[in-house]
Amino acid sequence: MLLAASLLLKALAIPLLVRIAWVDFTTQKISNQNVLLLLCLGLGSLQLLSVAAGSWWDMGLSALAGLLLFVVLFPFWTLRKVGAGDVKLMAVMPFLIGGSGLVVFSLLLLVCALITAVLVKNPFMLPAGMFRLYVQHLDRKGVVPFGVPISLAAICAIGFQIYERWVLASSSGILQQLN
């Protein structure tokens, strides 16, 4: 039951991540309120998983990874290479994803960031004229909404975790016992 509640909290984060991605894409802003809400959902999910597993390792690993990401990305913010919202969002991601999902999240983030960079640098690959003009505007300003690939990678990582736990529950017979 604790596992299901943990997955529910992660699933509730998906619409919030979509909202963060959209707002960051349109306004290049990530609000502190949304980041704090993600942090609360992530901490709640990690707490439930830690109680269910009887180990606080995943929470400790997430806290260490979040602190490390904040410390590493903070100088990039001071140099104006990354936005403050992006730094805060990245620091919260280990809490939302969990320590066990950080490798999958990192690989997905790498792919999403590369796709974003290619699309911003080569807007002719995009289908719609207005969208192309908007991306060209972003390229001229030197702004890349990095919250979009972060959110997309997090959504995919959460989806993978939910699918993985669903397959594990169905293969162990837990789902048949509930019916």
C-alpha atoms as a PDB file:
ATOM      1  CA  MET A   1       0.000   0.000   0.000  1.00  0.00           C
ATOM      2  CA  LEU A   2       2.877   2.378   0.749  1.00  0.00           C
ATOM      3  CA  LEU A   3       4.347   1.648  -2.669  1.00  0.00           C
ATOM      4  CA  ALA A   4       1.048   2.524  -4.366  1.00  0.00           C
ATOM      5  CA  ALA A   5       0.802   5.783  -2.414  1.00  0.00           C
ATOM      6  CA  SER A   6       4.384   6.630  -3.378  1.00  0.00           C
ATOM      7  CA  LEU A   7       3.628   6.024  -7.051  1.00  0.00           C
ATOM      8  CA  LEU A   8       0.479   8.133  -6.759  1.00  0.00           C
ATOM      9  CA  LEU A   9       2.522  11.069  -5.464  1.00  0.00           C
ATOM     10  CA  LYS A  10       4.922  10.667  -8.377  1.00  0.00           C
ATOM     11  CA  ALA A  11       2.016  10.469 -10.827  1.00  0.00           C
ATOM     12  CA  LEU A  12       0.607  13.700  -9.353  1.00  0.00           C
ATOM     13  CA  ALA A  13       3.907  15.384 -10.204  1.00  0.00           C
ATOM     14  CA  ILE A  14       3.468  14.693 -13.942  1.00  0.00           C
ATOM     15  CA  PRO A  15       0.839  17.421 -14.611  1.00  0.00           C
ATOM     16  CA  LEU A  16       2.926  19.860 -12.586  1.00  0.00           C
ATOM     17  CA  LEU A  17       5.989  19.011 -14.672  1.00  0.00           C
ATOM     18  CA  VAL A  18       3.962  19.608 -17.844  1.00  0.00           C
ATOM     19  CA  ARG A  19       2.918  23.006 -16.484  1.00  0.00           C
ATOM     20  CA  ILE A  20       6.513  23.873 -15.566  1.00  0.00           C
ATOM     21  CA  ALA A  21       7.701  22.913 -19.053  1.00  0.00           C
ATOM     22  CA  TRP A  22       4.997  24.977 -20.757  1.00  0.00           C
ATOM     23  CA  VAL A  23       5.513  28.075 -18.593  1.00  0.00           C
ATOM     24  CA  ASP A  24       9.290  27.851 -18.991  1.00  0.00           C
ATOM     25  CA  PHE A  25       8.926  27.483 -22.763  1.00  0.00           C
ATOM     26  CA  THR A  26       6.603  30.474 -23.088  1.00  0.00           C
ATOM     27  CA  THR A  27       7.997  32.845 -20.446  1.00  0.00           C
ATOM     28  CA  GLN A  28      11.459  31.457 -19.523  1.00  0.00           C
ATOM     29  CA  LYS A  29      10.404  31.447 -15.853  1.00  0.00           C
ATOM     30  CA  ILE A  30      10.115  28.609 -13.331  1.00  0.00           C
ATOM     31  CA  SER A  31       8.272  29.658 -10.196  1.00  0.00           C
ATOM     32  CA  ASN A  32       9.500  28.823  -6.715  1.00  0.00           C
ATOM     33  CA  GLN A  33       5.976  27.703  -5.819  1.00  0.00           C
ATOM     34  CA  ASN A  34       6.039  24.952  -8.456  1.00  0.00           C
ATOM     35  CA  VAL A  35       9.538  23.836  -7.464  1.00  0.00           C
ATOM     36  CA  LEU A  36       8.536  23.659  -3.789  1.00  0.00           C
ATOM     37  CA  LEU A  37       5.427  21.661  -4.663  1.00  0.00           C
ATOM     38  CA  LEU A  38       7.592  19.208  -6.614  1.00  0.00           C
ATOM     39  CA  LEU A  39       9.944  18.991  -3.642  1.00  0.00           C
ATOM     40  CA  CYS A  40       7.047  18.164  -1.311  1.00  0.00           C
ATOM     41  CA  LEU A  41       5.696  15.500  -3.667  1.00  0.00           C
ATOM     42  CA  GLY A  42       9.175  14.017  -4.035  1.00  0.00           C
ATOM     43  CA  LEU A  43       9.895  14.024  -0.306  1.00  0.00           C
ATOM     44  CA  GLY A  44       6.531  12.426   0.425  1.00  0.00           C
ATOM     45  CA  SER A  45       7.144   9.726  -2.144  1.00  0.00           C
ATOM     46  CA  LEU A  46      10.660   9.058  -0.856  1.00  0.00           C
ATOM     47  CA  GLN A  47       9.409   8.932   2.727  1.00  0.00           C
ATOM     48  CA  LEU A  48       6.819   6.299   1.837  1.00  0.00           C
ATOM     49  CA  LEU A  49       9.369   4.252  -0.099  1.00  0.00           C
ATOM     50  CA  SER A  50      11.859   4.460   2.763  1.00  0.00           C
ATOM     51  CA  VAL A  51       9.296   3.271   5.293  1.00  0.00           C
ATOM     52  CA  ALA A  52       8.201   0.430   2.995  1.00  0.00           C
ATOM     53  CA  ALA A  53      11.795  -0.661   2.336  1.00  0.00           C
ATOM     54  CA  GLY A  54      12.967  -0.154   5.914  1.00  0.00           C
ATOM     55  CA  SER A  55      16.007   1.717   4.620  1.00  0.00           C
ATOM     56  CA  TRP A  56      16.768   5.415   4.325  1.00  0.00           C
ATOM     57  CA  TRP A  57      19.521   4.896   1.755  1.00  0.00           C
ATOM     58  CA  ASP A  58      17.454   6.189  -1.187  1.00  0.00           C
ATOM     59  CA  MET A  59      16.505   9.365   0.672  1.00  0.00           C
ATOM     60  CA  GLY A  60      20.108   9.999   1.716  1.00  0.00           C
ATOM     61  CA  LEU A  61      21.340   9.440  -1.832  1.00  0.00           C
ATOM     62  CA  SER A  62      18.682  11.808  -3.174  1.00  0.00           C
ATOM     63  CA  ALA A  63      19.600  14.505  -0.659  1.00  0.00           C
ATOM     64  CA  LEU A  64      23.276  14.178  -1.507  1.00  0.00           C
ATOM     65  CA  ALA A  65      22.577  14.281  -5.262  1.00  0.00           C
ATOM     66  CA  GLY A  66      20.285  17.318  -4.872  1.00  0.00           C
ATOM     67  CA  LEU A  67      22.888  19.206  -2.860  1.00  0.00           C
ATOM     68  CA  LEU A  68      25.627  18.274  -5.320  1.00  0.00           C
ATOM     69  CA  LEU A  69      23.555  19.425  -8.302  1.00  0.00           C
ATOM     70  CA  PHE A  70      22.782  22.740  -6.608  1.00  0.00           C
ATOM     71  CA  VAL A  71      26.436  23.366  -5.706  1.00  0.00           C
ATOM     72  CA  VAL A  72      27.686  22.402  -9.184  1.00  0.00           C
ATOM     73  CA  LEU A  73      25.055  24.417 -11.090  1.00  0.00           C
ATOM     74  CA  PHE A  74      25.126  27.532  -8.873  1.00  0.00           C
ATOM     75  CA  PRO A  75      28.299  28.959 -10.482  1.00  0.00           C
ATOM     76  CA  PHE A  76      26.690  28.575 -13.913  1.00  0.00           C
ATOM     77  CA  TRP A  77      23.802  30.692 -12.643  1.00  0.00           C
ATOM     78  CA  THR A  78      26.199  33.369 -11.378  1.00  0.00           C
ATOM     79  CA  LEU A  79      27.835  33.392 -14.823  1.00  0.00           C
ATOM     80  CA  ARG A  80      24.342  33.738 -16.386  1.00  0.00           C
ATOM     81  CA  LYS A  81      24.687  30.501 -18.349  1.00  0.00           C
ATOM     82  CA  VAL A  82      21.676  28.848 -16.649  1.00  0.00           C
ATOM     83  CA  GLY A  83      18.591  30.369 -15.062  1.00  0.00           C
ATOM     84  CA  ALA A  84      17.973  30.236 -11.315  1.00  0.00           C
ATOM     85  CA  GLY A  85      14.748  28.299 -11.855  1.00  0.00           C
ATOM     86  CA  ASP A  86      16.635  25.669 -13.841  1.00  0.00           C
ATOM     87  CA  VAL A  87      19.178  25.281 -11.023  1.00  0.00           C
ATOM     88  CA  LYS A  88      16.442  24.880  -8.408  1.00  0.00           C
ATOM     89  CA  LEU A  89      14.467  22.478 -10.599  1.00  0.00           C
ATOM     90  CA  MET A  90      17.535  20.309 -11.161  1.00  0.00           C
ATOM     91  CA  ALA A  91      18.296  20.289  -7.434  1.00  0.00           C
ATOM     92  CA  VAL A  92      14.766  19.002  -6.718  1.00  0.00           C
ATOM     93  CA  MET A  93      14.812  16.250  -9.366  1.00  0.00           C
ATOM     94  CA  PRO A  94      16.725  13.678  -7.245  1.00  0.00           C
ATOM     95  CA  PHE A  95      14.014  13.964  -4.580  1.00  0.00           C
ATOM     96  CA  LEU A  96      11.272  13.453  -7.136  1.00  0.00           C
ATOM     97  CA  ILE A  97      12.980  10.662  -9.076  1.00  0.00           C
ATOM     98  CA  GLY A  98      14.662   8.931  -6.166  1.00  0.00           C
ATOM     99  CA  GLY A  99      18.226   7.723  -5.940  1.00  0.00           C
ATOM    100  CA  SER A 100      17.480   4.478  -7.748  1.00  0.00           C
ATOM    101  CA  GLY A 101      16.133   6.304 -10.814  1.00  0.00           C
ATOM    102  CA  LEU A 102      18.886   8.882 -11.218  1.00  0.00           C
ATOM    103  CA  VAL A 103      20.792   6.946 -13.880  1.00  0.00           C
ATOM    104  CA  VAL A 104      17.693   6.608 -16.073  1.00  0.00           C
ATOM    105  CA  PHE A 105      16.834  10.274 -15.491  1.00  0.00           C
ATOM    106  CA  SER A 106      20.377  11.375 -16.361  1.00  0.00           C
ATOM    107  CA  LEU A 107      20.380   9.445 -19.635  1.00  0.00           C
ATOM    108  CA  LEU A 108      16.932  10.764 -20.559  1.00  0.00           C
ATOM    109  CA  LEU A 109      18.006  14.309 -19.664  1.00  0.00           C
ATOM    110  CA  LEU A 110      21.063  13.984 -21.874  1.00  0.00           C
ATOM    111  CA  VAL A 111      18.930  12.886 -24.838  1.00  0.00           C
ATOM    112  CA  CYS A 112      16.275  15.578 -24.227  1.00  0.00           C
ATOM    113  CA  ALA A 113      18.882  18.323 -23.817  1.00  0.00           C
ATOM    114  CA  LEU A 114      20.635  17.305 -27.034  1.00  0.00           C
ATOM    115  CA  ILE A 115      17.330  17.311 -28.928  1.00  0.00           C
ATOM    116  CA  THR A 116      16.505  20.755 -27.496  1.00  0.00           C
ATOM    117  CA  ALA A 117      19.916  22.126 -28.460  1.00  0.00           C
ATOM    118  CA  VAL A 118      19.607  20.737 -32.001  1.00  0.00           C
ATOM    119  CA  LEU A 119      16.120  22.213 -32.419  1.00  0.00           C
ATOM    120  CA  VAL A 120      17.186  25.612 -31.106  1.00  0.00           C
ATOM    121  CA  LYS A 121      20.271  25.699 -33.339  1.00  0.00           C
ATOM    122  CA  ASN A 122      18.451  24.264 -36.388  1.00  0.00           C
ATOM    123  CA  PRO A 123      14.909  25.657 -36.318  1.00  0.00           C
ATOM    124  CA  PHE A 124      14.420  24.756 -40.003  1.00  0.00           C
ATOM    125  CA  MET A 125      13.786  21.179 -38.832  1.00  0.00           C
ATOM    126  CA  LEU A 126      10.537  22.256 -37.178  1.00  0.00           C
ATOM    127  CA  PRO A 127       7.224  22.032 -39.074  1.00  0.00           C
ATOM    128  CA  ALA A 128       5.248  25.141 -38.110  1.00  0.00           C
ATOM    129  CA  GLY A 129       6.293  28.594 -39.296  1.00  0.00           C
ATOM    130  CA  MET A 130       5.342  30.445 -36.111  1.00  0.00           C
ATOM    131  CA  PHE A 131       7.047  27.854 -33.940  1.00  0.00           C
ATOM    132  CA  ARG A 132      10.156  28.204 -36.086  1.00  0.00           C
ATOM    133  CA  LEU A 133      10.107  31.985 -35.668  1.00  0.00           C
ATOM    134  CA  TYR A 134       9.738  31.631 -31.908  1.00  0.00           C
ATOM    135  CA  VAL A 135      12.688  29.272 -31.656  1.00  0.00           C
ATOM    136  CA  GLN A 136      14.765  31.604 -33.826  1.00  0.00           C
ATOM    137  CA  HIS A 137      13.868  34.407 -31.418  1.00  0.00           C
ATOM    138  CA  LEU A 138      15.046  32.247 -28.525  1.00  0.00           C
ATOM    139  CA  ASP A 139      18.274  31.516 -30.373  1.00  0.00           C
ATOM    140  CA  ARG A 140      18.919  35.224 -31.056  1.00  0.00           C
ATOM    141  CA  LYS A 141      18.377  36.060 -27.391  1.00  0.00           C
ATOM    142  CA  GLY A 142      20.674  33.224 -26.368  1.00  0.00           C
ATOM    143  CA  VAL A 143      17.991  31.740 -24.125  1.00  0.00           C
ATOM    144  CA  VAL A 144      17.184  28.062 -24.018  1.00  0.00           C
ATOM    145  CA  PRO A 145      14.247  26.986 -21.816  1.00  0.00           C
ATOM    146  CA  PHE A 146      16.134  24.184 -20.049  1.00  0.00           C
ATOM    147  CA  GLY A 147      13.100  23.445 -17.856  1.00  0.00           C
ATOM    148  CA  VAL A 148      11.499  21.730 -20.858  1.00  0.00           C
ATOM    149  CA  PRO A 149      14.061  18.914 -21.229  1.00  0.00           C
ATOM    150  CA  ILE A 150      14.351  18.580 -17.441  1.00  0.00           C
ATOM    151  CA  SER A 151      10.586  18.160 -17.145  1.00  0.00           C
ATOM    152  CA  LEU A 152      10.362  15.817 -20.119  1.00  0.00           C
ATOM    153  CA  ALA A 153      13.157  13.611 -18.768  1.00  0.00           C
ATOM    154  CA  ALA A 154      11.509  13.560 -15.332  1.00  0.00           C
ATOM    155  CA  ILE A 155       8.114  12.610 -16.815  1.00  0.00           C
ATOM    156  CA  CYS A 156       9.698   9.767 -18.772  1.00  0.00           C
ATOM    157  CA  ALA A 157      11.682   8.571 -15.739  1.00  0.00           C
ATOM    158  CA  ILE A 158       8.554   8.614 -13.561  1.00  0.00           C
ATOM    159  CA  GLY A 159       6.622   6.772 -16.260  1.00  0.00           C
ATOM    160  CA  PHE A 160       9.380   4.169 -16.406  1.00  0.00           C
ATOM    161  CA  GLN A 161       9.273   3.748 -12.612  1.00  0.00           C
ATOM    162  CA  ILE A 162       5.492   3.335 -12.616  1.00  0.00           C
ATOM    163  CA  TYR A 163       5.697   0.792 -15.462  1.00  0.00           C
ATOM    164  CA  GLU A 164       8.520  -1.084 -13.728  1.00  0.00           C
ATOM    165  CA  ARG A 165       6.613  -1.352 -10.445  1.00  0.00           C
ATOM    166  CA  TRP A 166       3.417  -2.357 -12.288  1.00  0.00           C
ATOM    167  CA  VAL A 167       5.224  -5.185 -14.090  1.00  0.00           C
ATOM    168  CA  LEU A 168       6.850  -6.284 -10.838  1.00  0.00           C
ATOM    169  CA  ALA A 169       3.495  -6.292  -9.041  1.00  0.00           C
ATOM    170  CA  SER A 170       1.747  -8.197 -11.832  1.00  0.00           C
ATOM    171  CA  SER A 171       4.521 -10.788 -12.151  1.00  0.00           C
ATOM    172  CA  SER A 172       4.583 -11.469  -8.416  1.00  0.00           C
ATOM    173  CA  GLY A 173       0.826 -12.052  -8.286  1.00  0.00           C
ATOM    174  CA  ILE A 174      -0.004  -9.035  -6.148  1.00  0.00           C
ATOM    175  CA  LEU A 175      -2.486  -7.699  -8.704  1.00  0.00           C
ATOM    176  CA  GLN A 176      -4.334 -11.040  -8.839  1.00  0.00           C
ATOM    177  CA  GLN A 177      -4.632 -11.026  -5.040  1.00  0.00           C
ATOM    178  CA  LEU A 178      -6.224  -7.571  -5.124  1.00  0.00           C
ATOM    179  CA  ASN A 179      -8.962  -8.697  -7.563  1.00  0.00           C
END
